[in-house]
Each structure stands twice: as structure tokens, then as C-alpha cells.
C-alpha atoms as a PDB file:
ATOM      1  CA  MET A   1     -21.976 -14.343  -1.122  1.00  0.00           C
ATOM      2  CA  ALA A   2     -19.123 -13.225  -3.379  1.00  0.00           C
ATOM      3  CA  PHE A   3     -15.504 -13.648  -2.379  1.00  0.00           C
ATOM      4  CA  GLN A   4     -13.924 -10.219  -1.860  1.00  0.00           C
ATOM      5  CA  THR A   5     -10.650  -9.776  -3.755  1.00  0.00           C
ATOM      6  CA  GLU A   6     -10.284  -5.980  -3.734  1.00  0.00           C
ATOM      7  CA  PHE A   7     -10.145  -3.669  -0.724  1.00  0.00           C
ATOM      8  CA  GLU A   8     -10.352   0.112  -0.449  1.00  0.00           C
ATOM      9  CA  PHE A   9      -7.818   2.078   1.584  1.00  0.00           C
ATOM     10  CA  THR A  10      -6.991   5.664   2.473  1.00  0.00           C
ATOM     11  CA  LEU A  11      -3.348   6.657   2.832  1.00  0.00           C
ATOM     12  CA  PRO A  12      -2.464   8.610   5.990  1.00  0.00           C
ATOM     13  CA  LYS A  13      -0.654  11.348   4.030  1.00  0.00           C
ATOM     14  CA  GLY A  14      -1.109  10.598   0.337  1.00  0.00           C
ATOM     15  CA  TYR A  15       0.937  10.592  -2.841  1.00  0.00           C
ATOM     16  CA  VAL A  16       1.671  13.987  -4.403  1.00  0.00           C
ATOM     17  CA  ASP A  17       2.054  13.758  -8.176  1.00  0.00           C
ATOM     18  CA  GLY A  18       4.209  15.989 -10.406  1.00  0.00           C
ATOM     19  CA  GLU A  19       1.390  18.525 -10.739  1.00  0.00           C
ATOM     20  CA  GLY A  20       0.898  18.800  -6.980  1.00  0.00           C
ATOM     21  CA  ASN A  21      -2.302  16.727  -6.856  1.00  0.00           C
ATOM     22  CA  LEU A  22      -2.831  14.651  -3.731  1.00  0.00           C
ATOM     23  CA  HIS A  23      -3.948  11.020  -4.114  1.00  0.00           C
ATOM     24  CA  ARG A  24      -5.091   9.246  -0.924  1.00  0.00           C
ATOM     25  CA  GLN A  25      -7.923   6.859  -1.855  1.00  0.00           C
ATOM     26  CA  GLY A  26      -6.913   3.559  -3.370  1.00  0.00           C
ATOM     27  CA  LEU A  27      -7.780  -0.018  -4.097  1.00  0.00           C
ATOM     28  CA  MET A  28      -5.610  -3.065  -3.396  1.00  0.00           C
ATOM     29  CA  ARG A  29      -6.305  -6.570  -4.628  1.00  0.00           C
ATOM     30  CA  LEU A  30      -5.355  -9.850  -3.016  1.00  0.00           C
ATOM     31  CA  ALA A  31      -1.888 -11.029  -4.032  1.00  0.00           C
ATOM     32  CA  THR A  32      -1.280 -14.101  -6.144  1.00  0.00           C
ATOM     33  CA  ALA A  33       1.656 -16.469  -5.898  1.00  0.00           C
ATOM     34  CA  ALA A  34       3.067 -14.811  -9.042  1.00  0.00           C
ATOM     35  CA  ASP A  35       2.954 -11.410  -7.318  1.00  0.00           C
ATOM     36  CA  GLU A  36       5.302 -12.705  -4.644  1.00  0.00           C
ATOM     37  CA  VAL A  37       7.539 -14.897  -6.825  1.00  0.00           C
ATOM     38  CA  LEU A  38       8.054 -13.026 -10.110  1.00  0.00           C
ATOM     39  CA  PRO A  39       9.557  -9.869  -8.544  1.00  0.00           C
ATOM     40  CA  LEU A  40      12.390 -12.017  -7.159  1.00  0.00           C
ATOM     41  CA  LYS A  41      13.708 -12.247 -10.738  1.00  0.00           C
ATOM     42  CA  ASP A  42      13.758  -8.454 -11.123  1.00  0.00           C
ATOM     43  CA  PRO A  43      17.368  -7.134 -11.210  1.00  0.00           C
ATOM     44  CA  ARG A  44      16.415  -4.246  -8.879  1.00  0.00           C
ATOM     45  CA  VAL A  45      15.298  -6.769  -6.244  1.00  0.00           C
ATOM     46  CA  GLN A  46      18.377  -8.936  -6.780  1.00  0.00           C
ATOM     47  CA  GLN A  47      20.608  -5.886  -6.191  1.00  0.00           C
ATOM     48  CA  ASN A  48      18.564  -4.659  -3.234  1.00  0.00           C
ATOM     49  CA  PRO A  49      16.151  -7.140  -1.584  1.00  0.00           C
ATOM     50  CA  ALA A  50      14.328  -4.275   0.158  1.00  0.00           C
ATOM     51  CA  TYR A  51      13.070  -3.203  -3.282  1.00  0.00           C
ATOM     52  CA  LEU A  52      10.777  -6.257  -3.274  1.00  0.00           C
ATOM     53  CA  THR A  53       8.242  -4.226  -1.291  1.00  0.00           C
ATOM     54  CA  VAL A  54       8.147  -1.553  -3.995  1.00  0.00           C
ATOM     55  CA  ILE A  55       7.596  -4.044  -6.809  1.00  0.00           C
ATOM     56  CA  LEU A  56       5.071  -6.095  -4.860  1.00  0.00           C
ATOM     57  CA  LEU A  57       2.941  -3.110  -3.855  1.00  0.00           C
ATOM     58  CA  SER A  58       3.003  -1.714  -7.397  1.00  0.00           C
ATOM     59  CA  ARG A  59       1.600  -5.054  -8.627  1.00  0.00           C
ATOM     60  CA  VAL A  60      -1.291  -5.292  -6.147  1.00  0.00           C
ATOM     61  CA  MET A  61      -2.366  -1.642  -5.977  1.00  0.00           C
ATOM     62  CA  VAL A  62      -5.150  -1.483  -8.541  1.00  0.00           C
ATOM     63  CA  LYS A  63      -5.875   2.213  -8.123  1.00  0.00           C
ATOM     64  CA  LEU A  64      -4.524   5.278  -6.370  1.00  0.00           C
ATOM     65  CA  GLY A  65      -6.593   8.429  -6.663  1.00  0.00           C
ATOM     66  CA  SER A  66      -7.003   9.528 -10.264  1.00  0.00           C
ATOM     67  CA  LEU A  67      -3.648   8.154 -11.424  1.00  0.00           C
ATOM     68  CA  PRO A  68      -3.907   6.113 -14.645  1.00  0.00           C
ATOM     69  CA  GLU A  69      -1.697   3.350 -13.183  1.00  0.00           C
ATOM     70  CA  VAL A  70       0.378   2.476 -10.140  1.00  0.00           C
ATOM     71  CA  ASN A  71       3.969   1.596 -10.991  1.00  0.00           C
ATOM     72  CA  PRO A  72       7.197   1.228  -8.983  1.00  0.00           C
ATOM     73  CA  ARG A  73       8.094   4.908  -9.494  1.00  0.00           C
ATOM     74  CA  ILE A  74       4.858   5.944  -7.774  1.00  0.00           C
ATOM     75  CA  VAL A  75       5.459   3.577  -4.855  1.00  0.00           C
ATOM     76  CA  GLU A  76       9.008   4.991  -4.578  1.00  0.00           C
ATOM     77  CA  GLY A  77       7.468   8.462  -4.225  1.00  0.00           C
ATOM     78  CA  LEU A  78       5.258   7.577  -1.273  1.00  0.00           C
ATOM     79  CA  PHE A  79       5.973   9.015   2.141  1.00  0.00           C
ATOM     80  CA  VAL A  80       7.440   6.442   4.545  1.00  0.00           C
ATOM     81  CA  SER A  81       4.302   6.468   6.719  1.00  0.00           C
ATOM     82  CA  ASP A  82       2.183   5.621   3.669  1.00  0.00           C
ATOM     83  CA  LEU A  83       4.549   2.828   2.649  1.00  0.00           C
ATOM     84  CA  SER A  84       4.352   1.389   6.164  1.00  0.00           C
ATOM     85  CA  TYR A  85       0.564   1.666   6.108  1.00  0.00           C
ATOM     86  CA  LEU A  86       0.381  -0.195   2.773  1.00  0.00           C
ATOM     87  CA  GLN A  87       2.686  -2.953   4.010  1.00  0.00           C
ATOM     88  CA  GLU A  88       0.427  -3.527   7.029  1.00  0.00           C
ATOM     89  CA  PHE A  89      -2.688  -3.336   4.873  1.00  0.00           C
ATOM     90  CA  TYR A  90      -1.174  -5.898   2.472  1.00  0.00           C
ATOM     91  CA  ARG A  91      -0.457  -8.253   5.367  1.00  0.00           C
ATOM     92  CA  GLN A  92      -3.932  -7.797   6.745  1.00  0.00           C
ATOM     93  CA  ILE A  93      -5.874  -8.564   3.576  1.00  0.00           C
ATOM     94  CA  ASN A  94      -3.596 -11.414   2.490  1.00  0.00           C
ATOM     95  CA  ASP A  95      -3.005 -13.081   5.848  1.00  0.00           C
ATOM     96  CA  GLY A  96      -6.499 -12.460   7.176  1.00  0.00           C
ATOM     97  CA  GLY A  97      -5.232 -11.050  10.454  1.00  0.00           C
ATOM     98  CA  ALA A  98      -5.981  -7.758  12.058  1.00  0.00           C
ATOM     99  CA  ALA A  99      -3.439  -5.084  11.290  1.00  0.00           C
ATOM    100  CA  GLN A 100      -2.525  -2.385  13.724  1.00  0.00           C
ATOM    101  CA  VAL A 101      -0.958   0.881  12.690  1.00  0.00           C
ATOM    102  CA  LYS A 102       0.373   3.768  14.689  1.00  0.00           C
ATOM    103  CA  ALA A 103      -1.522   6.982  14.128  1.00  0.00           C
ATOM    104  CA  VAL A 104      -1.420  10.575  15.328  1.00  0.00           C
ATOM    105  CA  CYS A 105      -4.474  12.759  15.741  1.00  0.00           C
ATOM    106  CA  PRO A 106      -4.060  15.737  13.384  1.00  0.00           C
ATOM    107  CA  ARG A 107      -5.806  18.062  15.863  1.00  0.00           C
ATOM    108  CA  CYS A 108      -4.285  17.267  19.242  1.00  0.00           C
ATOM    109  CA  GLU A 109      -1.235  15.256  18.082  1.00  0.00           C
ATOM    110  CA  HIS A 110      -2.109  12.383  20.446  1.00  0.00           C
ATOM    111  CA  ALA A 111      -0.286   9.198  19.315  1.00  0.00           C
ATOM    112  CA  PHE A 112      -2.257   5.961  19.416  1.00  0.00           C
ATOM    113  CA  THR A 113      -2.522   2.525  17.813  1.00  0.00           C
ATOM    114  CA  MET A 114      -5.542   1.587  15.756  1.00  0.00           C
ATOM    115  CA  GLU A 115      -6.738  -1.661  14.240  1.00  0.00           C
ATOM    116  CA  LEU A 116      -7.529  -1.628  10.524  1.00  0.00           C
ATOM    117  CA  ALA A 117     -10.419  -3.511   9.029  1.00  0.00           C
ATOM    118  CA  PRO A 118     -10.432  -4.314   5.294  1.00  0.00           C
ATOM    119  CA  GLY A 119     -11.590  -1.256   3.406  1.00  0.00           C
ATOM    120  CA  GLU A 120     -10.410   1.268   5.995  1.00  0.00           C
END
């Protein structure tokens, strides 16, 4: 049995690129110690500690739709709900715990909480 290091995800809303294309499907890998430590030296993180999330996610997101790469500018352009989703997904795959996210049914607008499994 192989050890799984990459996990598929689907963003709730999706990233809209400069040409208007929507990117929702992605792939995130497990974080390394370097992924969590090296961004602390980045001047953007030193000026604004909240920026750590942007740098960290841009390092561990292997793929997002048909984009050639995922960089901090792309993570900055995500909708807040997608950023929140990715933070929970990151915690889930790296901490091994079940992540719960708030969701809203697009048809009836019923709000509910759902548990994410790796790959969802």
C-alpha cells in the first residue's frame, strides 16, 4: 500500500483567471517542515503575519484547474470562502483529523456543516 501524499479537492466557488476561466479542481500535497518554516523569512510575512497562509497554500497546491502554476498572486485572488475551505483542507490532510466546513445548498440555500474526507 502506497503512502498518499497528494489529495484532490474542489473549491466551493473557484478561482477566476484574467480571461474569465473558472478553476475549481485542484491537487494539494502534504506539507513539509520547510513549507511551514521558510515562509517565515519572507518579508511579506514579516510585515503581515496573516500573509503566511497565502505563501503556505501557494507552496502546497500542486495544481488548480488548467493553470500552469499556483503562486501567491493566485491565492490572493481566491474568494474568501475558497481560502477558508483550503485552510481547513490543509489542516485535515496534514493533521489527519476530520475537517468540517460550512456549506450552503445552491438550490434551496439551506446552510449546513459537512465533514470533508481527503479527496473531496
